[in-house]
Amino acid sequence: MDKIKKVGLTALAGSLAAVSANAAEMSVSGATLLTYTSEDATEVTGNPFGMKTNLAFTASGDVNGYTVSYMQTSVDQFAGMSSARLSVDMGDMGVIAFDQGSGSGLATIDDKTPTAAEEIWDGLDGLTAGGLVGAAGNSGVFNYINTFSGVTVNAAARKGSGTSNSDGSSSGSGQSAMDIALTGSGDMFGVDGLAWGVGYSEAENGEQANAAGLTGGENEHSTVFANYSMGPVTFGYQVSRIANNGNGATDEDVDQWGIAFNVNDDLSVSYGEREIEYQKASTTNVTEDGEGIAIAYTMGSMKIAGNRNEVANNAGTTGSDDKMTEIALSFAF
């Protein structure tokens, strides 16, 4: 995205007086998205048109020899959503940050299969898609990033619940969690075009009520992916597991793949499939089957994209099927 404005930024007085900084540089970028969404025959689409706007503010400056940066993204989906990230770049010692919704740790590789537009689970029924790893989440977490011998380490840790707290406040009880993601290229193996990643995370279950029986173990998330590009074609494969070790909980095993083809510099298409086996404690296991196709065309700062996603046995519920078709027009500025 192009930077459209630069303004001077100086340290604030009052509560920030303890920190002195030189003038920093602030940049603003943004995008707007117009969508047309059609749902399956069992649902009422109503007005199919929707709009979203993003504004991203980024500021950085030197503080005592370290580069401190702040990023805030305001997402106007007429539902009040925003994210923020405060980072300190320590050079060879890496970057440490406090993240409120931008993405950290294992969540950065929860689905790395190639796609021309949205993921094959996007827009389907449910507040969140199943099978997405990342116990620490993206809100209220400390994040550490560094690269060693070509391998990038992205670690995250959260104390208590994953609530985005304002300054001077705290959240209620919840799981403390930590996770780590390792990513790299095929250079260390002598394989051009390869991108790979592995990750693991844990979340505390803590003591459960006596009525639940014995105390459950810690929840565990893990994933492995590999993407290989040859010319205009990229193929990706990923497996993940979510072991919810609380009493009576459901585990999830994920197996997915995707292929994307760049027709030219402006046009790309993709197709992917995904299976999630819900391993239930007291009933028969159920397998969710999903697939999606996407196409995208870019011309300068404008992009038009379309995707068609389908799922059977959604969220591990037998007979719960869903379909979604979306066409999106976006502009970056």
C-alpha atoms as a PDB file:
ATOM      1  CA  MET A   1       0.000   0.000   0.000  1.00  0.00           C
ATOM      2  CA  ASP A   2       1.267   3.482  -0.785  1.00  0.00           C
ATOM      3  CA  LYS A   3       2.079   5.870   2.007  1.00  0.00           C
ATOM      4  CA  ILE A   4      -0.163   8.903   1.651  1.00  0.00           C
ATOM      5  CA  LYS A   5       0.892  11.134   4.515  1.00  0.00           C
ATOM      6  CA  LYS A   6       3.866  11.734   6.801  1.00  0.00           C
ATOM      7  CA  VAL A   7       3.593  13.845   9.927  1.00  0.00           C
ATOM      8  CA  GLY A   8       5.906  14.678  12.813  1.00  0.00           C
ATOM      9  CA  LEU A   9       5.282  12.788  16.044  1.00  0.00           C
ATOM     10  CA  THR A  10       6.817  13.770  19.404  1.00  0.00           C
ATOM     11  CA  ALA A  11       6.707  12.217  22.846  1.00  0.00           C
ATOM     12  CA  LEU A  12       3.603  13.011  24.879  1.00  0.00           C
ATOM     13  CA  ALA A  13       3.718  14.730  28.260  1.00  0.00           C
ATOM     14  CA  GLY A  14       2.002  13.518  31.406  1.00  0.00           C
ATOM     15  CA  SER A  15       1.873   9.750  31.752  1.00  0.00           C
ATOM     16  CA  LEU A  16       4.399   9.307  28.929  1.00  0.00           C
ATOM     17  CA  ALA A  17       6.898  11.812  30.270  1.00  0.00           C
ATOM     18  CA  ALA A  18       9.188   9.024  31.466  1.00  0.00           C
ATOM     19  CA  VAL A  19       9.934   8.056  27.871  1.00  0.00           C
ATOM     20  CA  SER A  20      11.813  10.481  25.680  1.00  0.00           C
ATOM     21  CA  ALA A  21      11.997   9.993  21.943  1.00  0.00           C
ATOM     22  CA  ASN A  22      13.093  11.892  18.914  1.00  0.00           C
ATOM     23  CA  ALA A  23      10.571  12.895  16.312  1.00  0.00           C
ATOM     24  CA  ALA A  24       9.140   9.843  14.640  1.00  0.00           C
ATOM     25  CA  GLU A  25       7.662   9.200  11.244  1.00  0.00           C
ATOM     26  CA  MET A  26       4.034   8.234  10.879  1.00  0.00           C
ATOM     27  CA  SER A  27       2.469   6.745   7.767  1.00  0.00           C
ATOM     28  CA  VAL A  28      -1.156   6.063   6.954  1.00  0.00           C
ATOM     29  CA  SER A  29      -2.460   3.503   4.493  1.00  0.00           C
ATOM     30  CA  GLY A  30      -5.863   2.046   3.860  1.00  0.00           C
ATOM     31  CA  ALA A  31      -8.194  -0.008   1.741  1.00  0.00           C
ATOM     32  CA  THR A  32     -11.891  -0.332   1.088  1.00  0.00           C
ATOM     33  CA  LEU A  33     -13.760  -3.487   0.113  1.00  0.00           C
ATOM     34  CA  LEU A  34     -17.182  -3.907  -1.489  1.00  0.00           C
ATOM     35  CA  THR A  35     -18.669  -7.426  -1.478  1.00  0.00           C
ATOM     36  CA  TYR A  36     -21.602  -9.303  -2.958  1.00  0.00           C
ATOM     37  CA  THR A  37     -22.368 -12.462  -0.973  1.00  0.00           C
ATOM     38  CA  SER A  38     -24.782 -15.268  -1.833  1.00  0.00           C
ATOM     39  CA  GLU A  39     -25.563 -17.980   0.721  1.00  0.00           C
ATOM     40  CA  ASP A  40     -27.078 -21.425   0.210  1.00  0.00           C
ATOM     41  CA  ALA A  41     -30.749 -22.148  -0.491  1.00  0.00           C
ATOM     42  CA  THR A  42     -31.587 -22.869   3.170  1.00  0.00           C
ATOM     43  CA  GLU A  43     -30.549 -19.375   4.287  1.00  0.00           C
ATOM     44  CA  VAL A  44     -31.973 -15.946   3.594  1.00  0.00           C
ATOM     45  CA  THR A  45     -29.337 -13.713   2.050  1.00  0.00           C
ATOM     46  CA  GLY A  46     -31.317 -10.476   2.368  1.00  0.00           C
ATOM     47  CA  ASN A  47     -29.256  -7.522   1.157  1.00  0.00           C
ATOM     48  CA  PRO A  48     -26.201  -9.209  -0.406  1.00  0.00           C
ATOM     49  CA  PHE A  49     -24.012  -6.078  -0.533  1.00  0.00           C
ATOM     50  CA  GLY A  50     -21.542  -5.174   2.198  1.00  0.00           C
ATOM     51  CA  MET A  51     -18.559  -2.893   2.691  1.00  0.00           C
ATOM     52  CA  LYS A  52     -15.442  -2.786   4.857  1.00  0.00           C
ATOM     53  CA  THR A  53     -12.781  -0.102   5.219  1.00  0.00           C
ATOM     54  CA  ASN A  54      -9.304  -0.438   6.750  1.00  0.00           C
ATOM     55  CA  LEU A  55      -7.071   2.368   7.996  1.00  0.00           C
ATOM     56  CA  ALA A  56      -3.570   1.439   9.182  1.00  0.00           C
ATOM     57  CA  PHE A  57      -1.437   3.903  11.170  1.00  0.00           C
ATOM     58  CA  THR A  58       2.259   3.089  11.598  1.00  0.00           C
ATOM     59  CA  ALA A  59       4.776   5.125  13.595  1.00  0.00           C
ATOM     60  CA  SER A  60       8.429   4.376  14.358  1.00  0.00           C
ATOM     61  CA  GLY A  61      11.406   6.086  15.947  1.00  0.00           C
ATOM     62  CA  ASP A  62      14.664   5.477  17.839  1.00  0.00           C
ATOM     63  CA  VAL A  63      14.491   5.155  21.632  1.00  0.00           C
ATOM     64  CA  ASN A  64      17.786   4.598  23.485  1.00  0.00           C
ATOM     65  CA  GLY A  65      19.318   2.843  20.485  1.00  0.00           C
ATOM     66  CA  TYR A  66      16.345   0.589  19.758  1.00  0.00           C
ATOM     67  CA  THR A  67      13.731   1.062  17.052  1.00  0.00           C
ATOM     68  CA  VAL A  68      10.266   1.310  18.593  1.00  0.00           C
ATOM     69  CA  SER A  69       7.264   1.050  16.298  1.00  0.00           C
ATOM     70  CA  TYR A  70       3.518   1.160  16.786  1.00  0.00           C
ATOM     71  CA  MET A  71       0.862  -0.093  14.408  1.00  0.00           C
ATOM     72  CA  GLN A  72      -2.885   0.299  14.701  1.00  0.00           C
ATOM     73  CA  THR A  73      -5.444  -0.917  12.202  1.00  0.00           C
ATOM     74  CA  SER A  74      -9.037   0.248  12.387  1.00  0.00           C
ATOM     75  CA  VAL A  75     -11.404  -2.093  10.562  1.00  0.00           C
ATOM     76  CA  ASP A  76     -14.821  -0.584   9.956  1.00  0.00           C
ATOM     77  CA  GLN A  77     -17.174  -3.491   9.335  1.00  0.00           C
ATOM     78  CA  PHE A  78     -19.955  -1.589  11.075  1.00  0.00           C
ATOM     79  CA  ALA A  79     -19.211  -3.880  14.013  1.00  0.00           C
ATOM     80  CA  GLY A  80     -16.400  -1.993  15.783  1.00  0.00           C
ATOM     81  CA  MET A  81     -13.151  -3.870  15.185  1.00  0.00           C
ATOM     82  CA  SER A  82      -9.528  -2.789  15.479  1.00  0.00           C
ATOM     83  CA  SER A  83      -6.071  -4.167  16.235  1.00  0.00           C
ATOM     84  CA  ALA A  84      -2.844  -2.706  17.592  1.00  0.00           C
ATOM     85  CA  ARG A  85       0.785  -3.739  18.016  1.00  0.00           C
ATOM     86  CA  LEU A  86       3.690  -2.145  19.925  1.00  0.00           C
ATOM     87  CA  SER A  87       7.117  -3.460  18.849  1.00  0.00           C
ATOM     88  CA  VAL A  88      10.734  -2.962  19.921  1.00  0.00           C
ATOM     89  CA  ASP A  89      13.350  -3.963  17.324  1.00  0.00           C
ATOM     90  CA  MET A  90      16.540  -4.966  19.155  1.00  0.00           C
ATOM     91  CA  GLY A  91      18.583  -5.758  16.055  1.00  0.00           C
ATOM     92  CA  ASP A  92      20.280  -9.152  16.224  1.00  0.00           C
ATOM     93  CA  MET A  93      18.439  -9.885  19.477  1.00  0.00           C
ATOM     94  CA  GLY A  94      15.136  -9.914  17.601  1.00  0.00           C
ATOM     95  CA  VAL A  95      11.809  -8.114  17.916  1.00  0.00           C
ATOM     96  CA  ILE A  96       9.603  -8.186  20.993  1.00  0.00           C
ATOM     97  CA  ALA A  97       6.038  -6.914  20.800  1.00  0.00           C
ATOM     98  CA  PHE A  98       2.726  -6.707  22.609  1.00  0.00           C
ATOM     99  CA  ASP A  99      -0.042  -7.727  20.239  1.00  0.00           C
ATOM    100  CA  GLN A 100      -3.717  -6.844  20.381  1.00  0.00           C
ATOM    101  CA  GLY A 101      -5.138  -8.631  17.371  1.00  0.00           C
ATOM    102  CA  SER A 102      -2.619  -8.345  14.508  1.00  0.00           C
ATOM    103  CA  GLY A 103      -1.395 -11.969  14.577  1.00  0.00           C
ATOM    104  CA  SER A 104       1.347 -13.767  16.499  1.00  0.00           C
ATOM    105  CA  GLY A 105       2.882 -17.180  17.089  1.00  0.00           C
ATOM    106  CA  LEU A 106       1.182 -20.298  15.798  1.00  0.00           C
ATOM    107  CA  ALA A 107      -1.809 -18.327  14.520  1.00  0.00           C
ATOM    108  CA  THR A 108       0.421 -16.925  11.752  1.00  0.00           C
ATOM    109  CA  ILE A 109       0.595 -20.394  10.146  1.00  0.00           C
ATOM    110  CA  ASP A 110      -2.882 -21.749  10.984  1.00  0.00           C
ATOM    111  CA  ASP A 111      -3.662 -22.139   7.259  1.00  0.00           C
ATOM    112  CA  LYS A 112      -0.801 -21.755   4.775  1.00  0.00           C
ATOM    113  CA  THR A 113      -2.294 -23.594   1.802  1.00  0.00           C
ATOM    114  CA  PRO A 114      -2.129 -21.373  -1.315  1.00  0.00           C
ATOM    115  CA  THR A 115      -5.224 -19.492  -2.442  1.00  0.00           C
ATOM    116  CA  ALA A 116      -5.980 -16.774  -4.973  1.00  0.00           C
ATOM    117  CA  ALA A 117      -8.426 -15.013  -2.642  1.00  0.00           C
ATOM    118  CA  GLU A 118     -10.004 -16.138   0.640  1.00  0.00           C
ATOM    119  CA  GLU A 119      -9.405 -19.439   2.452  1.00  0.00           C
ATOM    120  CA  ILE A 120     -11.730 -22.327   1.608  1.00  0.00           C
ATOM    121  CA  TRP A 121     -13.467 -22.059   5.015  1.00  0.00           C
ATOM    122  CA  ASP A 122     -14.116 -18.317   4.797  1.00  0.00           C
ATOM    123  CA  GLY A 123     -17.718 -17.103   5.045  1.00  0.00           C
ATOM    124  CA  LEU A 124     -19.259 -20.435   6.023  1.00  0.00           C
ATOM    125  CA  ASP A 125     -21.589 -20.880   9.003  1.00  0.00           C
ATOM    126  CA  GLY A 126     -20.049 -20.477  12.447  1.00  0.00           C
ATOM    127  CA  LEU A 127     -18.312 -17.651  14.280  1.00  0.00           C
ATOM    128  CA  THR A 128     -14.913 -19.290  13.758  1.00  0.00           C
ATOM    129  CA  ALA A 129     -13.753 -22.084  11.488  1.00  0.00           C
ATOM    130  CA  GLY A 130     -12.744 -25.380  13.063  1.00  0.00           C
ATOM    131  CA  GLY A 131      -9.264 -26.812  12.894  1.00  0.00           C
ATOM    132  CA  LEU A 132      -7.373 -23.516  13.126  1.00  0.00           C
ATOM    133  CA  VAL A 133      -4.413 -23.889  15.483  1.00  0.00           C
ATOM    134  CA  GLY A 134      -3.038 -21.276  17.871  1.00  0.00           C
ATOM    135  CA  ALA A 135      -3.700 -21.654  21.595  1.00  0.00           C
ATOM    136  CA  ALA A 136      -2.276 -18.247  22.559  1.00  0.00           C
ATOM    137  CA  GLY A 137      -4.406 -16.429  19.997  1.00  0.00           C
ATOM    138  CA  ASN A 138      -3.768 -12.873  18.811  1.00  0.00           C
ATOM    139  CA  SER A 139      -5.047 -10.644  21.621  1.00  0.00           C
ATOM    140  CA  GLY A 140      -3.248  -9.700  24.815  1.00  0.00           C
ATOM    141  CA  VAL A 141      -0.116 -11.671  23.909  1.00  0.00           C
ATOM    142  CA  PHE A 142       3.603 -10.961  24.058  1.00  0.00           C
ATOM    143  CA  ASN A 143       5.332 -11.868  20.813  1.00  0.00           C
ATOM    144  CA  TYR A 144       9.006 -12.556  20.020  1.00  0.00           C
ATOM    145  CA  ILE A 145      10.373 -12.845  16.462  1.00  0.00           C
ATOM    146  CA  ASN A 146      13.923 -13.592  15.321  1.00  0.00           C
ATOM    147  CA  THR A 147      15.743 -15.447  12.549  1.00  0.00           C
ATOM    148  CA  PHE A 148      18.519 -17.970  13.168  1.00  0.00           C
ATOM    149  CA  SER A 149      20.394 -19.576  10.255  1.00  0.00           C
ATOM    150  CA  GLY A 150      17.492 -19.008   7.885  1.00  0.00           C
ATOM    151  CA  VAL A 151      14.785 -20.229  10.291  1.00  0.00           C
ATOM    152  CA  THR A 152      12.316 -17.640  11.589  1.00  0.00           C
ATOM    153  CA  VAL A 153      11.070 -18.123  15.152  1.00  0.00           C
ATOM    154  CA  ASN A 154       7.688 -16.605  16.024  1.00  0.00           C
ATOM    155  CA  ALA A 155       6.747 -17.218  19.666  1.00  0.00           C
ATOM    156  CA  ALA A 156       3.759 -15.951  21.640  1.00  0.00           C
ATOM    157  CA  ALA A 157       2.688 -16.133  25.280  1.00  0.00           C
ATOM    158  CA  ARG A 158      -0.506 -15.073  27.025  1.00  0.00           C
ATOM    159  CA  LYS A 159      -1.333 -14.732  30.715  1.00  0.00           C
ATOM    160  CA  GLY A 160      -4.958 -15.568  31.417  1.00  0.00           C
ATOM    161  CA  SER A 161      -7.692 -14.935  28.857  1.00  0.00           C
ATOM    162  CA  GLY A 162      -7.136 -13.593  25.348  1.00  0.00           C
ATOM    163  CA  THR A 163      -9.030 -10.351  25.969  1.00  0.00           C
ATOM    164  CA  SER A 164      -7.838  -7.069  24.438  1.00  0.00           C
ATOM    165  CA  ASN A 165      -7.572  -4.921  27.576  1.00  0.00           C
ATOM    166  CA  SER A 166      -7.313  -1.147  27.640  1.00  0.00           C
ATOM    167  CA  ASP A 167      -4.556   0.488  29.702  1.00  0.00           C
ATOM    168  CA  GLY A 168      -4.975   0.111  33.455  1.00  0.00           C
ATOM    169  CA  SER A 169      -7.453  -2.760  33.135  1.00  0.00           C
ATOM    170  CA  SER A 170      -7.381  -6.535  33.376  1.00  0.00           C
ATOM    171  CA  SER A 171      -9.582  -9.376  32.175  1.00  0.00           C
ATOM    172  CA  GLY A 172     -11.375 -12.189  33.921  1.00  0.00           C
ATOM    173  CA  SER A 173     -10.088 -15.711  34.329  1.00  0.00           C
ATOM    174  CA  GLY A 174      -9.005 -17.780  31.360  1.00  0.00           C
ATOM    175  CA  GLN A 175      -6.350 -20.082  29.978  1.00  0.00           C
ATOM    176  CA  SER A 176      -2.727 -19.022  29.983  1.00  0.00           C
ATOM    177  CA  ALA A 177      -1.060 -20.229  26.790  1.00  0.00           C
ATOM    178  CA  MET A 178       2.172 -20.274  24.831  1.00  0.00           C
ATOM    179  CA  ASP A 179       3.010 -21.250  21.288  1.00  0.00           C
ATOM    180  CA  ILE A 180       5.842 -21.206  18.770  1.00  0.00           C
ATOM    181  CA  ALA A 181       6.057 -21.341  14.976  1.00  0.00           C
ATOM    182  CA  LEU A 182       9.181 -22.076  12.919  1.00  0.00           C
ATOM    183  CA  THR A 183       9.252 -21.195   9.222  1.00  0.00           C
ATOM    184  CA  GLY A 184      11.880 -21.281   6.512  1.00  0.00           C
ATOM    185  CA  SER A 185      12.676 -21.864   2.858  1.00  0.00           C
ATOM    186  CA  GLY A 186      14.104 -24.822   0.995  1.00  0.00           C
ATOM    187  CA  ASP A 187      17.555 -23.224   0.768  1.00  0.00           C
ATOM    188  CA  MET A 188      18.833 -25.254   3.718  1.00  0.00           C
ATOM    189  CA  PHE A 189      17.768 -28.432   1.918  1.00  0.00           C
ATOM    190  CA  GLY A 190      18.908 -27.318  -1.528  1.00  0.00           C
ATOM    191  CA  VAL A 191      15.305 -27.241  -2.810  1.00  0.00           C
ATOM    192  CA  ASP A 192      14.361 -24.085  -4.705  1.00  0.00           C
ATOM    193  CA  GLY A 193      10.733 -22.998  -4.427  1.00  0.00           C
ATOM    194  CA  LEU A 194      10.036 -24.730  -1.101  1.00  0.00           C
ATOM    195  CA  ALA A 195       8.494 -22.971   1.905  1.00  0.00           C
ATOM    196  CA  TRP A 196       7.875 -24.897   5.115  1.00  0.00           C
ATOM    197  CA  GLY A 197       6.749 -24.451   8.686  1.00  0.00           C
ATOM    198  CA  VAL A 198       6.072 -26.322  11.921  1.00  0.00           C
ATOM    199  CA  GLY A 199       4.436 -25.187  15.135  1.00  0.00           C
ATOM    200  CA  TYR A 200       3.263 -26.238  18.576  1.00  0.00           C
ATOM    201  CA  SER A 201       1.277 -24.649  21.401  1.00  0.00           C
ATOM    202  CA  GLU A 202      -0.203 -25.407  24.806  1.00  0.00           C
ATOM    203  CA  ALA A 203      -3.019 -23.892  26.848  1.00  0.00           C
ATOM    204  CA  GLU A 204      -3.684 -24.613  30.499  1.00  0.00           C
ATOM    205  CA  ASN A 205      -6.966 -26.271  31.406  1.00  0.00           C
ATOM    206  CA  GLY A 206      -6.534 -25.788  35.138  1.00  0.00           C
ATOM    207  CA  GLU A 207      -8.718 -27.409  37.764  1.00  0.00           C
ATOM    208  CA  GLN A 208     -12.199 -28.383  36.587  1.00  0.00           C
ATOM    209  CA  ALA A 209     -15.318 -28.637  38.718  1.00  0.00           C
ATOM    210  CA  ASN A 210     -15.712 -31.916  40.617  1.00  0.00           C
ATOM    211  CA  ALA A 211     -18.777 -32.728  38.529  1.00  0.00           C
ATOM    212  CA  ALA A 212     -16.531 -32.946  35.473  1.00  0.00           C
ATOM    213  CA  GLY A 213     -14.516 -35.790  36.960  1.00  0.00           C
ATOM    214  CA  LEU A 214     -10.738 -35.857  36.849  1.00  0.00           C
ATOM    215  CA  THR A 215      -8.772 -32.770  35.914  1.00  0.00           C
ATOM    216  CA  GLY A 216      -7.985 -32.601  32.214  1.00  0.00           C
ATOM    217  CA  GLY A 217      -4.507 -32.086  30.797  1.00  0.00           C
ATOM    218  CA  GLU A 218      -3.270 -29.100  28.844  1.00  0.00           C
ATOM    219  CA  ASN A 219      -4.767 -28.407  25.423  1.00  0.00           C
ATOM    220  CA  GLU A 220      -2.207 -28.967  22.657  1.00  0.00           C
ATOM    221  CA  HIS A 221      -2.114 -27.559  19.112  1.00  0.00           C
ATOM    222  CA  SER A 222       0.354 -28.610  16.405  1.00  0.00           C
ATOM    223  CA  THR A 223       0.755 -28.153  12.663  1.00  0.00           C
ATOM    224  CA  VAL A 224       3.139 -28.850   9.761  1.00  0.00           C
ATOM    225  CA  PHE A 225       2.944 -27.350   6.263  1.00  0.00           C
ATOM    226  CA  ALA A 226       4.938 -27.325   3.035  1.00  0.00           C
ATOM    227  CA  ASN A 227       4.366 -25.232  -0.092  1.00  0.00           C
ATOM    228  CA  TYR A 228       6.260 -25.857  -3.315  1.00  0.00           C
ATOM    229  CA  SER A 229       6.346 -23.421  -6.238  1.00  0.00           C
ATOM    230  CA  MET A 230       7.433 -24.289  -9.751  1.00  0.00           C
ATOM    231  CA  GLY A 231       6.998 -21.518 -12.275  1.00  0.00           C
ATOM    232  CA  PRO A 232       3.428 -20.186 -12.080  1.00  0.00           C
ATOM    233  CA  VAL A 233       2.106 -23.112  -9.990  1.00  0.00           C
ATOM    234  CA  THR A 234       2.184 -23.451  -6.189  1.00  0.00           C
ATOM    235  CA  PHE A 235       1.036 -26.591  -4.368  1.00  0.00           C
ATOM    236  CA  GLY A 236       0.601 -26.714  -0.616  1.00  0.00           C
ATOM    237  CA  TYR A 237      -0.188 -29.390   1.959  1.00  0.00           C
ATOM    238  CA  GLN A 238      -0.835 -29.008   5.687  1.00  0.00           C
ATOM    239  CA  VAL A 239      -1.795 -31.241   8.603  1.00  0.00           C
ATOM    240  CA  SER A 240      -2.845 -29.994  12.035  1.00  0.00           C
ATOM    241  CA  ARG A 241      -4.081 -31.415  15.303  1.00  0.00           C
ATOM    242  CA  ILE A 242      -5.972 -29.835  18.181  1.00  0.00           C
ATOM    243  CA  ALA A 243      -6.005 -32.007  21.303  1.00  0.00           C
ATOM    244  CA  ASN A 244      -8.561 -30.564  23.709  1.00  0.00           C
ATOM    245  CA  ASN A 245      -7.586 -32.558  26.771  1.00  0.00           C
ATOM    246  CA  GLY A 246     -10.310 -31.342  29.094  1.00  0.00           C
ATOM    247  CA  ASN A 247     -12.777 -33.982  30.235  1.00  0.00           C
ATOM    248  CA  GLY A 248     -15.335 -34.812  27.540  1.00  0.00           C
ATOM    249  CA  ALA A 249     -13.719 -32.479  24.992  1.00  0.00           C
ATOM    250  CA  THR A 250     -13.527 -33.046  21.228  1.00  0.00           C
ATOM    251  CA  ASP A 251     -10.204 -33.366  19.394  1.00  0.00           C
ATOM    252  CA  GLU A 252      -9.699 -32.203  15.799  1.00  0.00           C
ATOM    253  CA  ASP A 253      -7.429 -33.693  13.105  1.00  0.00           C
ATOM    254  CA  VAL A 254      -7.032 -31.543   9.980  1.00  0.00           C
ATOM    255  CA  ASP A 255      -5.805 -32.611   6.540  1.00  0.00           C
ATOM    256  CA  GLN A 256      -5.829 -30.003   3.761  1.00  0.00           C
ATOM    257  CA  TRP A 257      -4.232 -29.107   0.459  1.00  0.00           C
ATOM    258  CA  GLY A 258      -4.414 -26.356  -2.137  1.00  0.00           C
ATOM    259  CA  ILE A 259      -3.086 -25.474  -5.570  1.00  0.00           C
ATOM    260  CA  ALA A 260      -2.780 -21.997  -7.088  1.00  0.00           C
ATOM    261  CA  PHE A 261      -1.922 -20.997 -10.651  1.00  0.00           C
ATOM    262  CA  ASN A 262      -0.756 -17.554 -11.763  1.00  0.00           C
ATOM    263  CA  VAL A 263      -2.139 -17.228 -15.275  1.00  0.00           C
ATOM    264  CA  ASN A 264      -0.159 -14.003 -15.681  1.00  0.00           C
ATOM    265  CA  ASP A 265       1.044 -11.135 -13.499  1.00  0.00           C
ATOM    266  CA  ASP A 266      -2.537  -9.966 -12.909  1.00  0.00           C
ATOM    267  CA  LEU A 267      -4.731 -13.100 -12.904  1.00  0.00           C
ATOM    268  CA  SER A 268      -4.613 -16.103 -10.550  1.00  0.00           C
ATOM    269  CA  VAL A 269      -6.889 -19.047  -9.748  1.00  0.00           C
ATOM    270  CA  SER A 270      -6.856 -21.657  -6.971  1.00  0.00           C
ATOM    271  CA  TYR A 271      -8.615 -24.751  -5.647  1.00  0.00           C
ATOM    272  CA  GLY A 272      -8.385 -26.474  -2.286  1.00  0.00           C
ATOM    273  CA  GLU A 273      -9.873 -29.222  -0.126  1.00  0.00           C
ATOM    274  CA  ARG A 274      -9.980 -29.703   3.632  1.00  0.00           C
ATOM    275  CA  GLU A 275     -11.008 -32.509   5.989  1.00  0.00           C
ATOM    276  CA  ILE A 276     -11.465 -32.231   9.745  1.00  0.00           C
ATOM    277  CA  GLU A 277     -12.111 -35.351  11.794  1.00  0.00           C
ATOM    278  CA  TYR A 278     -13.917 -34.430  15.001  1.00  0.00           C
ATOM    279  CA  GLN A 279     -12.971 -37.101  17.532  1.00  0.00           C
ATOM    280  CA  LYS A 280     -15.778 -36.955  20.061  1.00  0.00           C
ATOM    281  CA  ALA A 281     -15.513 -38.432  23.543  1.00  0.00           C
ATOM    282  CA  SER A 282     -18.985 -39.959  23.830  1.00  0.00           C
ATOM    283  CA  THR A 283     -20.295 -40.268  20.256  1.00  0.00           C
ATOM    284  CA  THR A 284     -19.126 -41.447  16.835  1.00  0.00           C
ATOM    285  CA  ASN A 285     -16.437 -39.409  15.114  1.00  0.00           C
ATOM    286  CA  VAL A 286     -17.652 -37.069  12.369  1.00  0.00           C
ATOM    287  CA  THR A 287     -15.610 -35.833   9.383  1.00  0.00           C
ATOM    288  CA  GLU A 288     -16.162 -32.359   7.980  1.00  0.00           C
ATOM    289  CA  ASP A 289     -15.428 -32.085   4.229  1.00  0.00           C
ATOM    290  CA  GLY A 290     -14.823 -28.686   2.645  1.00  0.00           C
ATOM    291  CA  GLU A 291     -13.680 -27.365  -0.707  1.00  0.00           C
ATOM    292  CA  GLY A 292     -13.251 -23.993  -2.333  1.00  0.00           C
ATOM    293  CA  ILE A 293     -12.341 -22.362  -5.620  1.00  0.00           C
ATOM    294  CA  ALA A 294     -11.109 -18.784  -6.024  1.00  0.00           C
ATOM    295  CA  ILE A 295     -10.078 -16.341  -8.724  1.00  0.00           C
ATOM    296  CA  ALA A 296      -8.491 -12.897  -8.468  1.00  0.00           C
ATOM    297  CA  TYR A 297      -7.596 -10.151 -10.943  1.00  0.00           C
ATOM    298  CA  THR A 298      -5.411  -7.186  -9.990  1.00  0.00           C
ATOM    299  CA  MET A 299      -5.026  -3.931 -11.906  1.00  0.00           C
ATOM    300  CA  GLY A 300      -2.905  -1.365 -10.109  1.00  0.00           C
ATOM    301  CA  SER A 301      -4.437  -0.667  -6.692  1.00  0.00           C
ATOM    302  CA  MET A 302      -7.725  -2.312  -7.664  1.00  0.00           C
ATOM    303  CA  LYS A 303      -8.501  -5.989  -7.150  1.00  0.00           C
ATOM    304  CA  ILE A 304     -11.581  -8.015  -7.996  1.00  0.00           C
ATOM    305  CA  ALA A 305     -11.845 -11.494  -6.501  1.00  0.00           C
ATOM    306  CA  GLY A 306     -14.415 -14.247  -6.286  1.00  0.00           C
ATOM    307  CA  ASN A 307     -14.623 -17.445  -4.293  1.00  0.00           C
ATOM    308  CA  ARG A 308     -17.053 -20.341  -3.884  1.00  0.00           C
ATOM    309  CA  ASN A 309     -16.804 -22.389  -0.678  1.00  0.00           C
ATOM    310  CA  GLU A 310     -18.765 -25.488   0.337  1.00  0.00           C
ATOM    311  CA  VAL A 311     -18.751 -27.705   3.429  1.00  0.00           C
ATOM    312  CA  ALA A 312     -20.487 -30.896   4.545  1.00  0.00           C
ATOM    313  CA  ASN A 313     -20.939 -31.880   8.206  1.00  0.00           C
ATOM    314  CA  ASN A 314     -19.919 -28.389   9.231  1.00  0.00           C
ATOM    315  CA  ALA A 315     -18.259 -28.156  12.675  1.00  0.00           C
ATOM    316  CA  GLY A 316     -18.641 -31.904  13.123  1.00  0.00           C
ATOM    317  CA  THR A 317     -22.449 -31.884  12.975  1.00  0.00           C
ATOM    318  CA  THR A 318     -23.817 -34.610  10.702  1.00  0.00           C
ATOM    319  CA  GLY A 319     -26.066 -33.218   7.971  1.00  0.00           C
ATOM    320  CA  SER A 320     -25.061 -29.595   8.566  1.00  0.00           C
ATOM    321  CA  ASP A 321     -24.056 -28.390   5.093  1.00  0.00           C
ATOM    322  CA  ASP A 322     -23.316 -24.883   3.872  1.00  0.00           C
ATOM    323  CA  LYS A 323     -22.319 -22.996   0.721  1.00  0.00           C
ATOM    324  CA  MET A 324     -21.123 -19.457   0.136  1.00  0.00           C
ATOM    325  CA  THR A 325     -20.307 -17.423  -2.979  1.00  0.00           C
ATOM    326  CA  GLU A 326     -18.669 -14.015  -2.738  1.00  0.00           C
ATOM    327  CA  ILE A 327     -17.477 -11.406  -5.228  1.00  0.00           C
ATOM    328  CA  ALA A 328     -15.279  -8.656  -3.792  1.00  0.00           C
ATOM    329  CA  LEU A 329     -13.991  -5.391  -5.266  1.00  0.00           C
ATOM    330  CA  SER A 330     -11.217  -3.679  -3.303  1.00  0.00           C
ATOM    331  CA  PHE A 331      -9.111  -0.528  -3.619  1.00  0.00           C
ATOM    332  CA  ALA A 332      -5.866   0.168  -1.760  1.00  0.00           C
ATOM    333  CA  PHE A 333      -4.616   3.674  -1.073  1.00  0.00           C
END
